[in-house]
């Protein structure tokens, strides 16, 4: 089994969505973890948009990257530029490190319909990335 860390700034939105998709798509081939360089709790908008796609992330916890310092990582995926640029050193000499800066819907300001669309946009981009990641890196 591979160990995969998905890393974001607050481990509340984008990393949680990726965690949810990767877990649904590859839990038989990998242990999925998500963390942040800070912890902000699960974003309600992220949880709601994932639920609309059949993925429940409400039981996830918002974790700090330091909580996982003893795990031997196979993949470390950063999903925002801020975490990529400010993450403390993670000693994982054999890990494949990937970076994709996803749009942050938690920063969006608008009415309910526009906000839901912003979260759906991020969710769909993250889902496509996770599908590609699993197909490329976690072949059965």
Protein backbone atom coordinates (compact mmCIF):
# COMPACT_ATOMS: atom_id res chain seq x y z
CA UNK A 1 0.00 0.00 0.00
CA UNK A 2 1.18 3.47 -0.88
CA UNK A 3 1.03 6.39 1.57
CA UNK A 4 -0.29 9.60 0.04
CA UNK A 5 -0.32 13.00 1.72
CA UNK A 6 -2.49 15.78 0.30
CA UNK A 7 -1.34 19.11 1.65
CA UNK A 8 -3.01 22.53 1.68
CA UNK A 9 -2.85 25.63 3.83
CA UNK A 10 -5.68 24.98 6.30
CA UNK A 11 -6.69 21.38 5.53
CA UNK A 12 -10.28 22.52 5.27
CA UNK A 13 -11.30 22.62 1.64
CA UNK A 14 -9.18 21.61 -1.37
CA UNK A 15 -7.03 19.02 0.43
CA UNK A 16 -10.15 17.57 2.03
CA UNK A 17 -11.89 17.26 -1.34
CA UNK A 18 -8.83 15.53 -2.83
CA UNK A 19 -8.61 13.28 0.23
CA UNK A 20 -12.25 12.30 -0.26
CA UNK A 21 -11.86 11.51 -3.95
CA UNK A 22 -8.56 9.65 -3.59
CA UNK A 23 -10.00 7.60 -0.76
CA UNK A 24 -13.06 6.71 -2.85
CA UNK A 25 -11.00 5.93 -5.95
CA UNK A 26 -7.97 4.15 -4.48
CA UNK A 27 -8.47 3.12 -0.85
CA UNK A 28 -7.69 -0.47 -1.88
CA UNK A 29 -4.25 0.60 -3.12
CA UNK A 30 -3.27 3.49 -0.86
CA UNK A 31 -3.63 5.06 2.56
CA UNK A 32 -4.77 8.64 2.03
CA UNK A 33 -3.99 11.42 4.49
CA UNK A 34 -4.58 15.15 4.27
CA UNK A 35 -3.03 17.89 6.31
CA UNK A 36 -2.36 21.59 6.40
CA UNK A 37 0.38 23.90 7.50
CA UNK A 38 -2.44 25.28 9.67
CA UNK A 39 -5.77 23.70 10.69
CA UNK A 40 -9.07 25.44 9.96
CA UNK A 41 -11.66 22.66 10.36
CA UNK A 42 -13.75 21.20 7.56
CA UNK A 43 -15.21 23.89 5.32
CA UNK A 44 -19.02 23.49 5.20
CA UNK A 45 -19.12 24.47 1.52
CA UNK A 46 -16.56 21.79 0.66
CA UNK A 47 -18.53 19.18 2.59
CA UNK A 48 -21.78 20.20 0.89
CA UNK A 49 -20.36 20.14 -2.63
CA UNK A 50 -18.71 16.76 -2.06
CA UNK A 51 -21.97 15.34 -0.69
CA UNK A 52 -23.64 16.36 -3.95
CA UNK A 53 -21.19 14.00 -5.68
CA UNK A 54 -21.76 11.19 -3.19
CA UNK A 55 -18.59 11.69 -1.12
CA UNK A 56 -18.94 12.31 2.63
CA UNK A 57 -16.05 14.27 4.14
CA UNK A 58 -17.88 15.40 7.29
CA UNK A 59 -16.13 12.69 9.31
CA UNK A 60 -12.70 13.96 8.24
CA UNK A 61 -10.58 15.92 10.67
CA UNK A 62 -8.42 18.94 9.96
CA UNK A 63 -4.86 17.85 10.74
CA UNK A 64 -1.53 19.63 10.96
CA UNK A 65 1.26 18.23 8.80
CA UNK A 66 3.43 17.66 11.88
CA UNK A 67 1.00 14.98 13.07
CA UNK A 68 2.23 12.72 10.28
CA UNK A 69 5.98 13.22 10.57
CA UNK A 70 6.71 9.50 11.13
CA UNK A 71 4.95 8.21 8.03
CA UNK A 72 7.03 7.12 5.06
CA UNK A 73 5.42 8.93 2.13
CA UNK A 74 5.23 7.61 -1.40
CA UNK A 75 3.48 10.73 -2.72
CA UNK A 76 3.12 14.26 -1.38
CA UNK A 77 0.62 16.35 -3.32
CA UNK A 78 0.31 20.06 -2.57
CA UNK A 79 -2.96 21.55 -3.81
CA UNK A 80 -2.30 25.24 -3.24
CA UNK A 81 0.62 27.56 -3.89
CA UNK A 82 0.69 28.89 -0.33
CA UNK A 83 1.30 25.43 1.16
CA UNK A 84 3.77 24.61 -1.60
CA UNK A 85 5.80 27.74 -0.85
CA UNK A 86 5.47 27.70 2.96
CA UNK A 87 5.37 24.07 4.01
CA UNK A 88 7.93 22.99 6.55
CA UNK A 89 10.43 20.43 5.32
CA UNK A 90 8.93 16.95 5.12
CA UNK A 91 11.69 14.34 5.17
CA UNK A 92 10.59 11.92 2.49
CA UNK A 93 13.56 11.22 0.22
CA UNK A 94 11.72 8.60 -1.83
CA UNK A 95 8.42 10.44 -2.17
CA UNK A 96 7.19 11.70 -5.50
CA UNK A 97 6.22 15.33 -4.94
CA UNK A 98 3.46 16.79 -7.08
CA UNK A 99 1.95 20.26 -7.09
CA UNK A 100 -1.26 21.62 -8.56
CA UNK A 101 -2.66 24.96 -7.46
CA UNK A 102 -6.43 24.58 -7.42
CA UNK A 103 -8.87 27.44 -7.33
CA UNK A 104 -9.86 28.27 -3.72
CA UNK A 105 -13.66 28.49 -3.43
CA UNK A 106 -13.47 29.34 0.27
CA UNK A 107 -12.30 32.83 -0.71
CA UNK A 108 -15.26 33.39 -3.08
CA UNK A 109 -17.79 36.07 -2.20
CA UNK A 110 -21.19 36.05 -3.85
CA UNK A 111 -24.74 34.89 -3.44
CA UNK A 112 -25.62 31.30 -2.55
CA UNK A 113 -25.99 30.11 -6.14
CA UNK A 114 -22.67 31.69 -7.19
CA UNK A 115 -20.91 30.28 -4.13
CA UNK A 116 -22.23 26.78 -4.81
CA UNK A 117 -20.99 27.11 -8.41
CA UNK A 118 -17.54 28.18 -7.17
CA UNK A 119 -17.30 25.11 -4.93
CA UNK A 120 -18.54 22.85 -7.74
CA UNK A 121 -15.89 24.28 -10.08
CA UNK A 122 -13.10 23.48 -7.61
CA UNK A 123 -14.60 20.06 -6.83
CA UNK A 124 -14.77 19.10 -10.50
CA UNK A 125 -11.16 20.20 -11.14
CA UNK A 126 -9.95 18.23 -8.11
CA UNK A 127 -11.97 15.16 -9.11
CA UNK A 128 -10.45 15.17 -12.62
CA UNK A 129 -6.95 15.55 -11.14
CA UNK A 130 -7.54 12.66 -8.73
CA UNK A 131 -8.84 10.43 -11.52
CA UNK A 132 -5.72 11.16 -13.56
CA UNK A 133 -3.45 10.65 -10.54
CA UNK A 134 -4.95 7.23 -9.77
CA UNK A 135 -4.78 6.14 -13.41
CA UNK A 136 -1.16 7.28 -13.72
CA UNK A 137 0.36 6.43 -10.34
CA UNK A 138 -1.80 3.72 -8.76
CA UNK A 139 -2.41 1.23 -11.51
CA UNK A 140 -3.79 -2.06 -10.15
